[in-house]
N, C-alpha and C. Protein backbone atom coordinates (compact mmCIF):
# COMPACT_ATOMS: atom_id res chain seq x y z
N MET A 1 0.85 -1.18 0.00
CA MET A 1 0.00 0.00 0.00
C MET A 1 0.90 1.25 0.00
N ALA A 2 0.63 2.17 -0.89
CA ALA A 2 1.38 3.42 -0.97
C ALA A 2 0.96 4.34 0.17
N ILE A 3 1.86 5.24 0.55
CA ILE A 3 1.55 6.18 1.63
C ILE A 3 0.30 7.01 1.30
N GLY A 4 0.12 7.37 0.04
CA GLY A 4 -1.06 8.13 -0.37
C GLY A 4 -2.36 7.37 -0.11
N ASP A 5 -2.34 6.05 -0.31
CA ASP A 5 -3.52 5.23 -0.03
C ASP A 5 -3.83 5.24 1.47
N TYR A 6 -2.80 5.17 2.30
CA TYR A 6 -2.97 5.16 3.75
C TYR A 6 -3.60 6.48 4.22
N VAL A 7 -3.10 7.59 3.70
CA VAL A 7 -3.63 8.89 4.10
C VAL A 7 -5.09 9.02 3.69
N LYS A 8 -5.44 8.55 2.50
CA LYS A 8 -6.83 8.62 2.06
C LYS A 8 -7.75 7.82 2.98
N LYS A 9 -7.31 6.66 3.42
CA LYS A 9 -8.14 5.85 4.31
C LYS A 9 -8.22 6.47 5.70
N LEU A 10 -7.13 7.12 6.12
CA LEU A 10 -7.10 7.72 7.45
C LEU A 10 -8.02 8.93 7.55
N ALA A 11 -8.00 9.80 6.55
CA ALA A 11 -8.82 11.01 6.59
C ALA A 11 -9.19 11.45 5.18
N PRO A 12 -10.20 10.81 4.59
CA PRO A 12 -10.62 11.22 3.26
C PRO A 12 -11.09 12.67 3.25
N PRO A 13 -10.93 13.37 2.15
CA PRO A 13 -11.37 14.77 2.08
C PRO A 13 -12.83 14.90 2.48
N GLY A 14 -13.12 15.91 3.27
CA GLY A 14 -14.49 16.17 3.68
C GLY A 14 -14.91 15.49 4.96
N ASP A 15 -14.09 14.56 5.49
CA ASP A 15 -14.46 13.89 6.73
C ASP A 15 -14.36 14.80 7.95
N LEU A 16 -13.45 15.73 7.93
CA LEU A 16 -13.23 16.61 9.07
C LEU A 16 -13.64 18.04 8.72
N PRO A 17 -14.62 18.60 9.45
CA PRO A 17 -15.00 19.98 9.18
C PRO A 17 -13.82 20.91 9.49
N GLU A 18 -13.51 21.78 8.55
CA GLU A 18 -12.43 22.74 8.77
C GLU A 18 -12.75 24.03 8.04
N GLY A 19 -12.06 25.09 8.43
CA GLY A 19 -12.28 26.35 7.77
C GLY A 19 -11.28 27.40 8.19
N ILE A 20 -11.28 28.48 7.45
CA ILE A 20 -10.45 29.64 7.74
C ILE A 20 -11.37 30.70 8.36
N ILE A 21 -10.97 31.23 9.50
CA ILE A 21 -11.78 32.26 10.15
C ILE A 21 -10.93 33.50 10.43
N ARG A 22 -11.59 34.62 10.55
CA ARG A 22 -10.93 35.85 11.00
C ARG A 22 -11.26 35.99 12.48
N TRP A 23 -10.22 36.08 13.31
CA TRP A 23 -10.37 36.12 14.76
C TRP A 23 -9.95 37.50 15.26
N ILE A 24 -10.73 38.06 16.16
CA ILE A 24 -10.43 39.36 16.76
C ILE A 24 -9.85 39.12 18.15
N GLY A 25 -8.80 39.85 18.49
CA GLY A 25 -8.16 39.71 19.80
C GLY A 25 -9.06 40.18 20.93
N PRO A 26 -8.72 39.77 22.16
CA PRO A 26 -9.53 40.16 23.33
C PRO A 26 -9.29 41.62 23.73
N ALA A 27 -10.26 42.20 24.41
CA ALA A 27 -10.14 43.59 24.87
C ALA A 27 -9.13 43.72 26.00
N SER A 28 -8.89 42.64 26.73
CA SER A 28 -7.90 42.65 27.82
C SER A 28 -7.22 41.29 27.85
N TYR A 29 -6.02 41.21 27.29
CA TYR A 29 -5.29 39.95 27.17
C TYR A 29 -4.77 39.47 28.53
N THR A 30 -4.82 38.15 28.75
CA THR A 30 -4.26 37.53 29.95
C THR A 30 -3.08 36.68 29.53
N VAL A 31 -1.92 36.91 30.14
CA VAL A 31 -0.70 36.16 29.81
C VAL A 31 -0.91 34.68 30.10
N VAL A 32 -0.36 33.81 29.22
CA VAL A 32 -0.48 32.37 29.40
C VAL A 32 0.39 31.92 30.58
N THR A 33 -0.20 31.15 31.48
CA THR A 33 0.54 30.57 32.59
C THR A 33 0.77 29.10 32.25
N PRO A 34 2.04 28.70 32.05
CA PRO A 34 2.33 27.30 31.70
C PRO A 34 1.99 26.36 32.85
N GLY A 35 1.87 25.09 32.53
CA GLY A 35 1.61 24.06 33.53
C GLY A 35 1.00 22.85 32.86
N ALA A 36 0.64 21.87 33.68
CA ALA A 36 0.01 20.67 33.14
C ALA A 36 -1.24 21.05 32.35
N THR A 37 -1.99 22.02 32.85
CA THR A 37 -3.12 22.59 32.13
C THR A 37 -2.88 24.10 32.08
N PRO A 38 -2.32 24.59 30.97
CA PRO A 38 -2.04 26.04 30.87
C PRO A 38 -3.32 26.85 31.04
N SER A 39 -3.16 28.07 31.54
CA SER A 39 -4.31 28.96 31.67
C SER A 39 -3.95 30.31 31.05
N GLY A 40 -4.95 31.14 30.87
CA GLY A 40 -4.73 32.45 30.27
C GLY A 40 -4.81 32.39 28.76
N GLY A 41 -4.28 33.41 28.12
CA GLY A 41 -4.34 33.48 26.67
C GLY A 41 -5.72 33.89 26.19
N ASP A 42 -5.99 33.60 24.95
CA ASP A 42 -7.23 33.97 24.28
C ASP A 42 -7.98 32.66 23.99
N SER A 43 -8.95 32.33 24.81
CA SER A 43 -9.64 31.04 24.79
C SER A 43 -10.49 30.82 23.54
N ILE A 44 -10.40 29.59 22.99
CA ILE A 44 -11.22 29.17 21.86
C ILE A 44 -11.88 27.83 22.21
N PRO A 45 -13.14 27.86 22.65
CA PRO A 45 -13.85 26.61 22.95
C PRO A 45 -14.45 25.99 21.68
N ALA A 46 -14.43 24.67 21.60
CA ALA A 46 -15.00 23.97 20.45
C ALA A 46 -16.48 24.30 20.28
N SER A 47 -17.17 24.51 21.40
CA SER A 47 -18.62 24.78 21.36
C SER A 47 -18.93 26.05 20.55
N LEU A 48 -17.96 26.96 20.45
CA LEU A 48 -18.15 28.17 19.66
C LEU A 48 -18.46 27.84 18.21
N PHE A 49 -17.94 26.71 17.72
CA PHE A 49 -18.16 26.29 16.34
C PHE A 49 -19.21 25.19 16.23
N GLY A 50 -19.85 24.85 17.35
CA GLY A 50 -20.89 23.83 17.34
C GLY A 50 -20.35 22.42 17.15
N VAL A 51 -19.12 22.19 17.59
CA VAL A 51 -18.48 20.88 17.47
C VAL A 51 -18.00 20.40 18.84
N SER A 52 -17.65 19.11 18.91
CA SER A 52 -17.22 18.54 20.18
C SER A 52 -15.72 18.61 20.40
N GLU A 53 -14.96 18.80 19.32
CA GLU A 53 -13.50 18.75 19.45
C GLU A 53 -12.82 19.60 18.38
N ILE A 54 -11.76 20.27 18.79
CA ILE A 54 -10.89 20.97 17.85
C ILE A 54 -9.63 20.11 17.72
N LEU A 55 -9.35 19.65 16.52
CA LEU A 55 -8.19 18.79 16.29
C LEU A 55 -6.91 19.59 16.06
N GLY A 56 -7.03 20.77 15.50
CA GLY A 56 -5.85 21.57 15.24
C GLY A 56 -6.20 22.99 14.87
N ILE A 57 -5.28 23.90 15.19
CA ILE A 57 -5.40 25.31 14.82
C ILE A 57 -4.06 25.74 14.27
N GLU A 58 -4.09 26.43 13.13
CA GLU A 58 -2.88 26.99 12.53
C GLU A 58 -3.05 28.48 12.36
N PHE A 59 -2.01 29.23 12.70
CA PHE A 59 -2.00 30.67 12.46
C PHE A 59 -1.70 30.88 10.98
N GLU A 60 -2.59 31.58 10.28
CA GLU A 60 -2.45 31.79 8.84
C GLU A 60 -1.96 33.20 8.51
N GLY A 61 -1.93 34.10 9.48
CA GLY A 61 -1.44 35.45 9.22
C GLY A 61 -2.26 36.50 9.95
N GLY A 62 -1.67 37.67 10.06
CA GLY A 62 -2.33 38.78 10.73
C GLY A 62 -2.64 39.89 9.73
N PHE A 63 -3.54 40.77 10.10
CA PHE A 63 -3.95 41.85 9.22
C PHE A 63 -3.21 43.15 9.52
N THR A 64 -2.70 43.30 10.76
CA THR A 64 -2.03 44.55 11.13
C THR A 64 -0.51 44.42 11.12
N GLY A 65 0.00 43.19 11.22
CA GLY A 65 1.44 42.97 11.27
C GLY A 65 2.03 43.19 12.64
N ASN A 66 1.19 43.39 13.66
CA ASN A 66 1.69 43.62 15.01
C ASN A 66 1.93 42.34 15.80
N PHE A 67 1.13 41.30 15.54
CA PHE A 67 1.19 40.09 16.35
C PHE A 67 1.06 38.83 15.50
N MET A 68 1.56 37.75 16.05
CA MET A 68 1.28 36.40 15.57
C MET A 68 0.72 35.65 16.78
N VAL A 69 0.15 34.49 16.57
CA VAL A 69 -0.34 33.70 17.70
C VAL A 69 0.25 32.30 17.67
N VAL A 70 0.37 31.74 18.86
CA VAL A 70 0.80 30.36 19.03
C VAL A 70 -0.39 29.62 19.63
N PRO A 71 -1.03 28.71 18.87
CA PRO A 71 -2.15 27.93 19.41
C PRO A 71 -1.65 26.91 20.43
N ILE A 72 -2.36 26.80 21.55
CA ILE A 72 -2.01 25.86 22.62
C ILE A 72 -3.24 25.02 22.93
N ARG A 73 -3.08 23.69 22.86
CA ARG A 73 -4.20 22.79 23.16
C ARG A 73 -4.33 22.64 24.67
N ILE A 74 -5.50 22.94 25.20
CA ILE A 74 -5.80 22.77 26.62
C ILE A 74 -6.47 21.41 26.81
N SER A 75 -7.44 21.12 25.97
CA SER A 75 -8.16 19.84 25.98
C SER A 75 -8.75 19.64 24.60
N ALA A 76 -9.42 18.52 24.40
CA ALA A 76 -10.06 18.27 23.09
C ALA A 76 -11.07 19.36 22.76
N ALA A 77 -11.70 19.90 23.77
CA ALA A 77 -12.76 20.88 23.56
C ALA A 77 -12.33 22.33 23.75
N LYS A 78 -11.05 22.57 24.07
CA LYS A 78 -10.64 23.95 24.33
C LYS A 78 -9.17 24.17 23.95
N TRP A 79 -8.95 25.25 23.24
CA TRP A 79 -7.60 25.72 22.90
C TRP A 79 -7.48 27.14 23.39
N THR A 80 -6.25 27.64 23.43
CA THR A 80 -6.03 29.04 23.74
C THR A 80 -4.97 29.57 22.78
N LEU A 81 -4.98 30.86 22.56
CA LEU A 81 -3.99 31.49 21.69
C LEU A 81 -3.06 32.35 22.53
N GLN A 82 -1.76 32.16 22.35
CA GLN A 82 -0.78 33.03 22.99
C GLN A 82 -0.38 34.07 21.94
N TRP A 83 -0.65 35.33 22.23
CA TRP A 83 -0.33 36.42 21.30
C TRP A 83 1.11 36.85 21.52
N ARG A 84 1.90 36.94 20.43
CA ARG A 84 3.32 37.31 20.49
C ARG A 84 3.58 38.49 19.55
N ALA A 85 4.29 39.49 20.07
CA ALA A 85 4.57 40.72 19.30
C ALA A 85 5.55 40.45 18.16
N LEU A 86 5.26 41.03 17.00
CA LEU A 86 6.15 40.91 15.85
C LEU A 86 7.11 42.09 15.74
N ASN A 87 6.85 43.15 16.51
CA ASN A 87 7.76 44.28 16.54
C ASN A 87 7.61 45.02 17.87
N SER A 88 8.63 45.77 18.20
CA SER A 88 8.61 46.54 19.46
C SER A 88 7.96 47.89 19.22
N ASN A 89 6.79 48.07 19.77
CA ASN A 89 6.09 49.34 19.73
C ASN A 89 4.95 49.32 20.74
N THR A 90 4.24 50.41 20.85
CA THR A 90 3.12 50.47 21.78
C THR A 90 1.85 50.07 21.03
N VAL A 91 1.21 49.02 21.51
CA VAL A 91 -0.03 48.52 20.92
C VAL A 91 -0.99 48.20 22.06
N GLY A 92 -2.23 48.60 21.91
CA GLY A 92 -3.24 48.28 22.91
C GLY A 92 -2.96 48.87 24.27
N GLY A 93 -2.26 50.01 24.30
CA GLY A 93 -2.00 50.71 25.55
C GLY A 93 -0.76 50.25 26.30
N HIS A 94 0.02 49.32 25.71
CA HIS A 94 1.21 48.80 26.39
C HIS A 94 2.38 48.69 25.42
N ALA A 95 3.58 48.89 25.96
CA ALA A 95 4.80 48.71 25.16
C ALA A 95 5.04 47.21 24.96
N GLN A 96 5.14 46.80 23.71
CA GLN A 96 5.37 45.39 23.36
C GLN A 96 6.83 45.22 22.94
N THR A 97 7.36 44.00 23.13
CA THR A 97 8.73 43.69 22.76
C THR A 97 8.72 42.59 21.71
N THR A 98 9.47 42.81 20.63
CA THR A 98 9.53 41.83 19.54
C THR A 98 9.81 40.43 20.06
N GLY A 99 8.97 39.48 19.67
CA GLY A 99 9.14 38.08 20.04
C GLY A 99 8.56 37.69 21.39
N ALA A 100 8.23 38.67 22.21
CA ALA A 100 7.69 38.38 23.55
C ALA A 100 6.17 38.28 23.50
N GLU A 101 5.63 37.60 24.50
CA GLU A 101 4.18 37.51 24.63
C GLU A 101 3.61 38.90 24.89
N ALA A 102 2.41 39.14 24.40
CA ALA A 102 1.73 40.42 24.64
C ALA A 102 1.66 40.67 26.15
N VAL A 103 1.79 41.92 26.53
CA VAL A 103 1.74 42.31 27.93
C VAL A 103 0.33 42.09 28.46
N SER A 104 0.23 41.66 29.72
CA SER A 104 -1.07 41.45 30.36
C SER A 104 -1.89 42.74 30.32
N ALA A 105 -3.17 42.60 30.07
CA ALA A 105 -4.15 43.68 30.00
C ALA A 105 -4.07 44.47 28.69
N THR A 106 -3.25 44.05 27.73
CA THR A 106 -3.20 44.71 26.42
C THR A 106 -4.55 44.59 25.72
N ASN A 107 -5.02 45.69 25.17
CA ASN A 107 -6.25 45.68 24.40
C ASN A 107 -5.91 45.24 22.97
N LEU A 108 -6.32 44.03 22.62
CA LEU A 108 -6.04 43.48 21.29
C LEU A 108 -7.28 43.49 20.39
N SER A 109 -8.31 44.23 20.79
CA SER A 109 -9.57 44.20 20.03
C SER A 109 -9.46 44.84 18.64
N ALA A 110 -8.38 45.56 18.37
CA ALA A 110 -8.16 46.11 17.03
C ALA A 110 -7.27 45.19 16.19
N GLU A 111 -6.87 44.07 16.75
CA GLU A 111 -6.00 43.11 16.06
C GLU A 111 -6.84 41.98 15.46
N TYR A 112 -6.63 41.72 14.18
CA TYR A 112 -7.33 40.66 13.47
C TYR A 112 -6.31 39.67 12.95
N ILE A 113 -6.60 38.39 13.13
CA ILE A 113 -5.72 37.35 12.60
C ILE A 113 -6.57 36.34 11.83
N ARG A 114 -5.91 35.54 11.02
CA ARG A 114 -6.59 34.49 10.26
C ARG A 114 -6.13 33.15 10.82
N LEU A 115 -7.08 32.28 11.12
CA LEU A 115 -6.79 30.96 11.67
C LEU A 115 -7.42 29.88 10.80
N ARG A 116 -6.71 28.79 10.64
CA ARG A 116 -7.27 27.58 10.00
C ARG A 116 -7.58 26.62 11.15
N ILE A 117 -8.84 26.22 11.25
CA ILE A 117 -9.28 25.36 12.34
C ILE A 117 -9.85 24.07 11.77
N VAL A 118 -9.34 22.93 12.29
CA VAL A 118 -9.84 21.61 11.91
C VAL A 118 -10.56 21.05 13.13
N THR A 119 -11.80 20.60 12.92
CA THR A 119 -12.62 20.12 14.04
C THR A 119 -13.12 18.71 13.80
N ARG A 120 -13.71 18.16 14.84
CA ARG A 120 -14.43 16.90 14.73
C ARG A 120 -15.89 17.23 15.00
N ALA A 121 -16.78 16.79 14.15
CA ALA A 121 -18.19 17.10 14.27
C ALA A 121 -18.75 16.64 15.61
N ALA A 122 -19.74 17.37 16.08
CA ALA A 122 -20.38 17.06 17.38
C ALA A 122 -21.12 15.75 17.33
């Protein structure tokens, strides 16, 4: 069996609901606290899309060029986004540092990003 045949049997096209969405940042960002179950960040629950599980999230790009996000899996039904500055400047009322996580309480509601989300139907 060729690898292509295996992939087709594993996940034929159309089996997993997926899409590209435009996501708006939170009005007051909370820094991600690492741990066995990380907390903080910008929460994305599977229920928001009417599904039981989010299998993966990919950052596809930003509209302002100020931030990128790192998707973090919390559980099958919940992910969070860690917002990271792409340049050092003042955004959302706080001084940001290139490559660092957005400062706590930063207003990211003017920041738009594009995400590719793959889910499992409810």
